[in-house]
Amino acid sequence: MAERLTETNSAAETRDLGEQLAAELQAGDVVLLEGDLGAGKSELTRGIARGLGVTETVTSPSFTILNVYESGRCPLYHFDWYRLESAEELYELGLDEYLGGDGIAVVEWPERCPEAIPERTLRIRLEDTGEENRRRITIHHAE
């Protein structure tokens, strides 16, 4: 498992990092975003979307669980598992089929359904450093 650590100093820098990461992503990849509320998970996802060429406005799927964006070089499946009680809900809705499929899946709050997470992932931890807009970001490639 490879790991790298970086820091960003603004929402724009967090989006820029997401855009850079998108260049490394390909269909079937699953990106897990971990961090407290306000840590920058949605900003990083907006950057990934921009890097994929997504033209739609990227919003948090807090109440819908999944937003699908198909205008980029491959589909982007943006999940928010915060409100899920168990992986069973994910399976009942058939949403697990989007993990490792024909697009790139970005999952916020993956710890809510750990049993649904595939083995091969890109795990990204975003942490507020306590300094205004500064984020410490740890990226783990799990193969």
N, C-alpha and C. Protein backbone atom coordinates (compact mmCIF):
# COMPACT_ATOMS: atom_id res chain seq x y z
N MET A 1 0.84 -1.16 0.00
CA MET A 1 0.00 0.00 0.00
C MET A 1 0.89 1.24 0.00
N ALA A 2 0.75 2.08 -0.99
CA ALA A 2 1.50 3.32 -1.06
C ALA A 2 0.72 4.41 -0.34
N GLU A 3 1.45 5.34 0.28
CA GLU A 3 0.80 6.43 0.99
C GLU A 3 1.52 7.73 0.70
N ARG A 4 0.75 8.80 0.53
CA ARG A 4 1.37 10.11 0.41
C ARG A 4 0.56 11.12 1.21
N LEU A 5 1.27 12.12 1.70
CA LEU A 5 0.67 13.16 2.53
C LEU A 5 0.86 14.49 1.84
N THR A 6 -0.19 15.31 1.83
CA THR A 6 -0.11 16.65 1.26
C THR A 6 -0.98 17.58 2.09
N GLU A 7 -0.87 18.86 1.85
CA GLU A 7 -1.71 19.84 2.51
C GLU A 7 -2.22 20.83 1.47
N THR A 8 -3.44 21.33 1.71
CA THR A 8 -4.00 22.39 0.88
C THR A 8 -4.35 23.55 1.80
N ASN A 9 -4.38 24.76 1.23
CA ASN A 9 -4.61 25.97 2.01
C ASN A 9 -5.91 26.69 1.67
N SER A 10 -6.71 26.08 0.79
CA SER A 10 -7.99 26.70 0.41
C SER A 10 -8.86 25.65 -0.26
N ALA A 11 -10.14 25.98 -0.38
CA ALA A 11 -11.05 25.09 -1.10
C ALA A 11 -10.59 24.94 -2.55
N ALA A 12 -10.09 26.01 -3.14
CA ALA A 12 -9.61 25.96 -4.53
C ALA A 12 -8.43 25.00 -4.66
N GLU A 13 -7.52 25.01 -3.70
CA GLU A 13 -6.38 24.07 -3.75
C GLU A 13 -6.85 22.64 -3.56
N THR A 14 -7.88 22.43 -2.74
CA THR A 14 -8.42 21.08 -2.56
C THR A 14 -9.05 20.60 -3.86
N ARG A 15 -9.78 21.48 -4.55
CA ARG A 15 -10.33 21.13 -5.86
C ARG A 15 -9.23 20.84 -6.86
N ASP A 16 -8.16 21.64 -6.84
CA ASP A 16 -7.02 21.41 -7.75
C ASP A 16 -6.41 20.04 -7.52
N LEU A 17 -6.29 19.64 -6.25
CA LEU A 17 -5.76 18.31 -5.93
C LEU A 17 -6.67 17.23 -6.50
N GLY A 18 -7.98 17.41 -6.36
CA GLY A 18 -8.93 16.46 -6.94
C GLY A 18 -8.78 16.35 -8.44
N GLU A 19 -8.57 17.49 -9.08
CA GLU A 19 -8.38 17.49 -10.54
C GLU A 19 -7.13 16.71 -10.92
N GLN A 20 -6.06 16.88 -10.16
CA GLN A 20 -4.82 16.13 -10.42
C GLN A 20 -5.04 14.64 -10.21
N LEU A 21 -5.77 14.27 -9.16
CA LEU A 21 -6.05 12.85 -8.90
C LEU A 21 -6.86 12.23 -10.03
N ALA A 22 -7.77 13.00 -10.61
CA ALA A 22 -8.63 12.48 -11.69
C ALA A 22 -7.81 11.97 -12.86
N ALA A 23 -6.65 12.57 -13.09
CA ALA A 23 -5.80 12.14 -14.20
C ALA A 23 -5.31 10.71 -14.00
N GLU A 24 -5.24 10.26 -12.75
CA GLU A 24 -4.77 8.91 -12.42
C GLU A 24 -5.90 7.89 -12.37
N LEU A 25 -7.15 8.36 -12.36
CA LEU A 25 -8.30 7.47 -12.17
C LEU A 25 -8.79 6.91 -13.50
N GLN A 26 -9.35 5.71 -13.40
CA GLN A 26 -9.93 5.07 -14.58
C GLN A 26 -11.20 4.34 -14.18
N ALA A 27 -11.99 3.99 -15.16
CA ALA A 27 -13.25 3.29 -14.91
C ALA A 27 -13.02 2.08 -14.00
N GLY A 28 -13.88 1.91 -13.03
CA GLY A 28 -13.78 0.82 -12.07
C GLY A 28 -13.14 1.23 -10.76
N ASP A 29 -12.48 2.38 -10.73
CA ASP A 29 -11.83 2.83 -9.50
C ASP A 29 -12.86 3.27 -8.46
N VAL A 30 -12.54 3.02 -7.20
CA VAL A 30 -13.37 3.43 -6.07
C VAL A 30 -12.52 4.30 -5.16
N VAL A 31 -12.99 5.53 -4.94
CA VAL A 31 -12.28 6.50 -4.10
C VAL A 31 -13.09 6.68 -2.82
N LEU A 32 -12.46 6.41 -1.68
CA LEU A 32 -13.13 6.55 -0.39
C LEU A 32 -12.66 7.84 0.27
N LEU A 33 -13.60 8.70 0.64
CA LEU A 33 -13.25 9.97 1.27
C LEU A 33 -13.66 9.93 2.74
N GLU A 34 -12.68 10.09 3.61
CA GLU A 34 -12.92 10.07 5.05
C GLU A 34 -12.59 11.44 5.64
N GLY A 35 -13.37 11.86 6.61
CA GLY A 35 -13.11 13.14 7.27
C GLY A 35 -14.38 13.67 7.89
N ASP A 36 -14.22 14.56 8.85
CA ASP A 36 -15.35 15.14 9.55
C ASP A 36 -16.16 16.03 8.61
N LEU A 37 -17.34 16.45 9.09
CA LEU A 37 -18.13 17.42 8.34
C LEU A 37 -17.28 18.66 8.12
N GLY A 38 -17.30 19.18 6.90
CA GLY A 38 -16.56 20.38 6.58
C GLY A 38 -15.08 20.16 6.30
N ALA A 39 -14.65 18.91 6.21
CA ALA A 39 -13.22 18.62 5.99
C ALA A 39 -12.78 18.85 4.55
N GLY A 40 -13.72 18.93 3.61
CA GLY A 40 -13.36 19.18 2.22
C GLY A 40 -13.66 18.03 1.27
N LYS A 41 -14.42 17.04 1.72
CA LYS A 41 -14.72 15.88 0.87
C LYS A 41 -15.45 16.28 -0.41
N SER A 42 -16.45 17.13 -0.28
CA SER A 42 -17.20 17.55 -1.49
C SER A 42 -16.36 18.43 -2.40
N GLU A 43 -15.49 19.26 -1.82
CA GLU A 43 -14.60 20.08 -2.66
C GLU A 43 -13.65 19.20 -3.45
N LEU A 44 -13.09 18.18 -2.80
CA LEU A 44 -12.19 17.26 -3.50
C LEU A 44 -12.95 16.56 -4.63
N THR A 45 -14.20 16.17 -4.37
CA THR A 45 -15.02 15.52 -5.39
C THR A 45 -15.28 16.46 -6.55
N ARG A 46 -15.52 17.74 -6.27
CA ARG A 46 -15.72 18.72 -7.35
C ARG A 46 -14.48 18.80 -8.23
N GLY A 47 -13.32 18.72 -7.61
CA GLY A 47 -12.08 18.73 -8.38
C GLY A 47 -11.92 17.48 -9.24
N ILE A 48 -12.26 16.33 -8.67
CA ILE A 48 -12.21 15.08 -9.44
C ILE A 48 -13.14 15.20 -10.64
N ALA A 49 -14.34 15.71 -10.40
CA ALA A 49 -15.31 15.87 -11.49
C ALA A 49 -14.75 16.79 -12.57
N ARG A 50 -14.16 17.89 -12.16
CA ARG A 50 -13.58 18.83 -13.13
C ARG A 50 -12.48 18.14 -13.93
N GLY A 51 -11.65 17.35 -13.27
CA GLY A 51 -10.59 16.63 -13.95
C GLY A 51 -11.09 15.58 -14.92
N LEU A 52 -12.29 15.07 -14.67
CA LEU A 52 -12.90 14.09 -15.57
C LEU A 52 -13.65 14.76 -16.71
N GLY A 53 -13.79 16.08 -16.64
CA GLY A 53 -14.52 16.80 -17.68
C GLY A 53 -16.01 16.89 -17.44
N VAL A 54 -16.46 16.66 -16.21
CA VAL A 54 -17.88 16.76 -15.88
C VAL A 54 -18.32 18.21 -16.02
N THR A 55 -19.43 18.43 -16.73
CA THR A 55 -19.92 19.78 -16.97
C THR A 55 -21.07 20.16 -16.04
N GLU A 56 -21.72 19.19 -15.43
CA GLU A 56 -22.83 19.49 -14.52
C GLU A 56 -22.29 20.09 -13.21
N THR A 57 -23.16 20.78 -12.49
CA THR A 57 -22.81 21.28 -11.15
C THR A 57 -22.79 20.09 -10.20
N VAL A 58 -21.70 19.94 -9.47
CA VAL A 58 -21.54 18.81 -8.55
C VAL A 58 -22.00 19.24 -7.16
N THR A 59 -23.03 18.54 -6.67
CA THR A 59 -23.58 18.83 -5.35
C THR A 59 -23.46 17.61 -4.46
N SER A 60 -23.55 17.83 -3.17
CA SER A 60 -23.46 16.72 -2.23
C SER A 60 -24.71 15.86 -2.31
N PRO A 61 -24.55 14.54 -2.38
CA PRO A 61 -25.71 13.65 -2.45
C PRO A 61 -26.23 13.27 -1.07
N SER A 62 -26.19 14.18 -0.12
CA SER A 62 -26.56 13.90 1.27
C SER A 62 -27.93 13.24 1.41
N PHE A 63 -28.91 13.70 0.67
CA PHE A 63 -30.26 13.17 0.83
C PHE A 63 -30.63 12.14 -0.23
N THR A 64 -29.86 12.07 -1.31
CA THR A 64 -30.19 11.13 -2.39
C THR A 64 -29.30 9.89 -2.36
N ILE A 65 -28.26 9.89 -1.58
CA ILE A 65 -27.26 8.83 -1.44
C ILE A 65 -26.32 8.76 -2.65
N LEU A 66 -26.83 8.99 -3.86
CA LEU A 66 -26.00 8.89 -5.06
C LEU A 66 -26.37 9.97 -6.07
N ASN A 67 -25.36 10.67 -6.57
CA ASN A 67 -25.52 11.55 -7.73
C ASN A 67 -24.67 10.97 -8.85
N VAL A 68 -25.24 10.92 -10.04
CA VAL A 68 -24.55 10.38 -11.21
C VAL A 68 -24.27 11.52 -12.19
N TYR A 69 -23.02 11.59 -12.64
CA TYR A 69 -22.60 12.60 -13.62
C TYR A 69 -22.02 11.85 -14.81
N GLU A 70 -22.61 12.05 -15.98
CA GLU A 70 -22.20 11.28 -17.16
C GLU A 70 -21.55 12.11 -18.25
N SER A 71 -21.27 13.38 -17.99
CA SER A 71 -20.75 14.24 -19.06
C SER A 71 -19.23 14.17 -19.20
N GLY A 72 -18.53 13.50 -18.30
CA GLY A 72 -17.08 13.42 -18.35
C GLY A 72 -16.58 12.27 -19.21
N ARG A 73 -15.28 12.02 -19.13
CA ARG A 73 -14.68 10.95 -19.95
C ARG A 73 -15.16 9.57 -19.55
N CYS A 74 -15.69 9.43 -18.33
CA CYS A 74 -16.40 8.23 -17.89
C CYS A 74 -17.37 8.67 -16.79
N PRO A 75 -18.38 7.87 -16.49
CA PRO A 75 -19.34 8.28 -15.47
C PRO A 75 -18.67 8.48 -14.10
N LEU A 76 -19.19 9.45 -13.35
CA LEU A 76 -18.77 9.68 -11.97
C LEU A 76 -19.96 9.38 -11.09
N TYR A 77 -19.77 8.46 -10.15
CA TYR A 77 -20.81 8.09 -9.20
C TYR A 77 -20.39 8.64 -7.84
N HIS A 78 -21.10 9.67 -7.39
CA HIS A 78 -20.76 10.36 -6.14
C HIS A 78 -21.73 9.91 -5.05
N PHE A 79 -21.22 9.13 -4.11
CA PHE A 79 -22.02 8.58 -3.01
C PHE A 79 -21.82 9.38 -1.73
N ASP A 80 -22.87 9.43 -0.92
CA ASP A 80 -22.78 9.91 0.46
C ASP A 80 -23.51 8.87 1.31
N TRP A 81 -22.75 8.10 2.07
CA TRP A 81 -23.33 7.02 2.87
C TRP A 81 -23.67 7.44 4.30
N TYR A 82 -23.60 8.73 4.59
CA TYR A 82 -23.79 9.20 5.96
C TYR A 82 -25.12 8.76 6.56
N ARG A 83 -26.19 8.79 5.78
CA ARG A 83 -27.52 8.47 6.31
C ARG A 83 -27.89 6.99 6.21
N LEU A 84 -27.01 6.16 5.67
CA LEU A 84 -27.30 4.73 5.59
C LEU A 84 -27.13 4.08 6.96
N GLU A 85 -28.05 3.20 7.27
CA GLU A 85 -27.97 2.47 8.54
C GLU A 85 -27.10 1.21 8.41
N SER A 86 -27.06 0.64 7.20
CA SER A 86 -26.28 -0.57 6.98
C SER A 86 -26.05 -0.76 5.49
N ALA A 87 -25.16 -1.68 5.16
CA ALA A 87 -24.91 -1.99 3.75
C ALA A 87 -26.14 -2.62 3.10
N GLU A 88 -27.01 -3.22 3.91
CA GLU A 88 -28.23 -3.82 3.36
C GLU A 88 -29.06 -2.79 2.59
N GLU A 89 -29.13 -1.55 3.09
CA GLU A 89 -29.85 -0.50 2.38
C GLU A 89 -29.23 -0.26 1.01
N LEU A 90 -27.92 -0.26 0.97
CA LEU A 90 -27.21 -0.06 -0.28
C LEU A 90 -27.54 -1.18 -1.27
N TYR A 91 -27.53 -2.41 -0.77
CA TYR A 91 -27.83 -3.58 -1.61
C TYR A 91 -29.29 -3.56 -2.07
N GLU A 92 -30.21 -3.22 -1.15
CA GLU A 92 -31.64 -3.19 -1.49
C GLU A 92 -31.92 -2.18 -2.60
N LEU A 93 -31.21 -1.07 -2.59
CA LEU A 93 -31.40 -0.04 -3.62
C LEU A 93 -30.62 -0.36 -4.90
N GLY A 94 -29.81 -1.41 -4.88
CA GLY A 94 -29.02 -1.80 -6.05
C GLY A 94 -27.85 -0.87 -6.32
N LEU A 95 -27.51 -0.05 -5.34
CA LEU A 95 -26.45 0.94 -5.55
C LEU A 95 -25.06 0.36 -5.50
N ASP A 96 -24.92 -0.83 -4.92
CA ASP A 96 -23.61 -1.47 -4.85
C ASP A 96 -23.07 -1.80 -6.25
N GLU A 97 -23.97 -1.89 -7.23
CA GLU A 97 -23.56 -2.21 -8.60
C GLU A 97 -22.70 -1.12 -9.23
N TYR A 98 -22.75 0.08 -8.66
CA TYR A 98 -21.96 1.20 -9.19
C TYR A 98 -20.52 1.17 -8.69
N LEU A 99 -20.23 0.34 -7.70
CA LEU A 99 -18.88 0.25 -7.16
C LEU A 99 -18.05 -0.68 -8.03
N GLY A 100 -16.98 -0.16 -8.61
CA GLY A 100 -16.12 -0.98 -9.45
C GLY A 100 -16.70 -1.27 -10.82
N GLY A 101 -17.68 -0.49 -11.24
CA GLY A 101 -18.33 -0.71 -12.53
C GLY A 101 -17.69 0.06 -13.66
N ASP A 102 -18.54 0.65 -14.49
CA ASP A 102 -18.07 1.31 -15.71
C ASP A 102 -17.62 2.75 -15.49
N GLY A 103 -17.71 3.22 -14.27
CA GLY A 103 -17.31 4.59 -13.97
C GLY A 103 -16.40 4.65 -12.76
N ILE A 104 -16.23 5.86 -12.25
CA ILE A 104 -15.43 6.08 -11.05
C ILE A 104 -16.40 6.38 -9.92
N ALA A 105 -16.29 5.64 -8.83
CA ALA A 105 -17.14 5.85 -7.67
C ALA A 105 -16.37 6.61 -6.60
N VAL A 106 -16.95 7.71 -6.13
CA VAL A 106 -16.39 8.48 -5.02
C VAL A 106 -17.38 8.33 -3.87
N VAL A 107 -16.89 7.84 -2.73
CA VAL A 107 -17.77 7.54 -1.60
C VAL A 107 -17.38 8.38 -0.39
N GLU A 108 -18.32 9.25 0.03
CA GLU A 108 -18.14 9.98 1.28
C GLU A 108 -18.75 9.13 2.40
N TRP A 109 -18.12 9.15 3.56
CA TRP A 109 -18.55 8.39 4.74
C TRP A 109 -18.53 6.87 4.50
N PRO A 110 -17.46 6.32 3.94
CA PRO A 110 -17.42 4.87 3.68
C PRO A 110 -17.48 4.03 4.94
N GLU A 111 -17.11 4.59 6.09
CA GLU A 111 -17.13 3.83 7.34
C GLU A 111 -18.53 3.42 7.76
N ARG A 112 -19.56 3.99 7.14
CA ARG A 112 -20.95 3.62 7.45
C ARG A 112 -21.30 2.23 6.91
N CYS A 113 -20.63 1.78 5.86
CA CYS A 113 -20.91 0.47 5.24
C CYS A 113 -19.60 -0.22 4.85
N PRO A 114 -18.76 -0.52 5.81
CA PRO A 114 -17.45 -1.07 5.47
C PRO A 114 -17.51 -2.39 4.70
N GLU A 115 -18.55 -3.17 4.92
CA GLU A 115 -18.65 -4.46 4.23
C GLU A 115 -18.94 -4.31 2.74
N ALA A 116 -19.35 -3.14 2.30
CA ALA A 116 -19.64 -2.91 0.88
C ALA A 116 -18.42 -2.41 0.10
N ILE A 117 -17.33 -2.13 0.80
CA ILE A 117 -16.15 -1.56 0.17
C ILE A 117 -15.32 -2.64 -0.52
N PRO A 118 -15.01 -2.45 -1.79
CA PRO A 118 -14.16 -3.43 -2.48
C PRO A 118 -12.73 -3.40 -1.93
N GLU A 119 -11.95 -4.42 -2.22
CA GLU A 119 -10.57 -4.50 -1.73
C GLU A 119 -9.68 -3.43 -2.34
N ARG A 120 -9.82 -3.20 -3.62
CA ARG A 120 -8.95 -2.25 -4.32
C ARG A 120 -9.60 -0.87 -4.30
N THR A 121 -9.00 0.04 -3.53
CA THR A 121 -9.55 1.39 -3.40
C THR A 121 -8.44 2.43 -3.33
N LEU A 122 -8.85 3.67 -3.47
CA LEU A 122 -8.01 4.81 -3.17
C LEU A 122 -8.67 5.46 -1.96
N ARG A 123 -8.02 5.40 -0.80
CA ARG A 123 -8.59 5.91 0.45
C ARG A 123 -7.93 7.26 0.75
N ILE A 124 -8.77 8.29 0.90
CA ILE A 124 -8.27 9.63 1.14
C ILE A 124 -8.85 10.16 2.45
N ARG A 125 -7.99 10.55 3.35
CA ARG A 125 -8.39 11.10 4.65
C ARG A 125 -8.12 12.60 4.63
N LEU A 126 -9.16 13.40 4.87
CA LEU A 126 -9.04 14.86 4.92
C LEU A 126 -9.21 15.31 6.36
N GLU A 127 -8.27 16.13 6.84
CA GLU A 127 -8.32 16.60 8.21
C GLU A 127 -8.13 18.11 8.27
N ASP A 128 -8.95 18.76 9.08
CA ASP A 128 -8.81 20.18 9.35
C ASP A 128 -7.63 20.34 10.29
N THR A 129 -6.66 21.17 9.96
CA THR A 129 -5.47 21.34 10.79
C THR A 129 -5.68 22.32 11.93
N GLY A 130 -6.82 23.01 11.93
CA GLY A 130 -7.07 24.04 12.93
C GLY A 130 -6.69 25.42 12.43
N GLU A 131 -5.92 25.46 11.35
CA GLU A 131 -5.59 26.73 10.71
C GLU A 131 -6.63 27.00 9.63
N GLU A 132 -7.01 28.25 9.46
CA GLU A 132 -8.07 28.61 8.53
C GLU A 132 -7.85 28.01 7.14
N ASN A 133 -8.83 27.22 6.69
CA ASN A 133 -8.87 26.61 5.36
C ASN A 133 -7.75 25.62 5.06
N ARG A 134 -6.88 25.32 6.00
CA ARG A 134 -5.77 24.39 5.77
C ARG A 134 -6.23 22.96 6.05
N ARG A 135 -5.94 22.07 5.10
CA ARG A 135 -6.32 20.65 5.23
C ARG A 135 -5.09 19.77 5.07
N ARG A 136 -5.00 18.76 5.90
CA ARG A 136 -3.97 17.72 5.76
C ARG A 136 -4.68 16.56 5.07
N ILE A 137 -4.10 16.10 3.98
CA ILE A 137 -4.75 15.06 3.17
C ILE A 137 -3.79 13.89 3.01
N THR A 138 -4.25 12.72 3.46
CA THR A 138 -3.48 11.49 3.36
C THR A 138 -4.13 10.60 2.32
N ILE A 139 -3.33 10.15 1.36
CA ILE A 139 -3.84 9.32 0.27
C ILE A 139 -3.20 7.94 0.35
N HIS A 140 -4.06 6.90 0.46
CA HIS A 140 -3.60 5.51 0.52
C HIS A 140 -4.08 4.78 -0.73
N HIS A 141 -3.16 4.15 -1.44
CA HIS A 141 -3.54 3.28 -2.56
C HIS A 141 -3.56 1.85 -2.01
N ALA A 142 -4.73 1.23 -1.97
CA ALA A 142 -4.85 -0.15 -1.50
C ALA A 142 -5.09 -1.05 -2.70
N GLU A 143 -4.21 -1.99 -2.91
CA GLU A 143 -4.35 -2.92 -4.05
C GLU A 143 -4.76 -4.29 -3.55
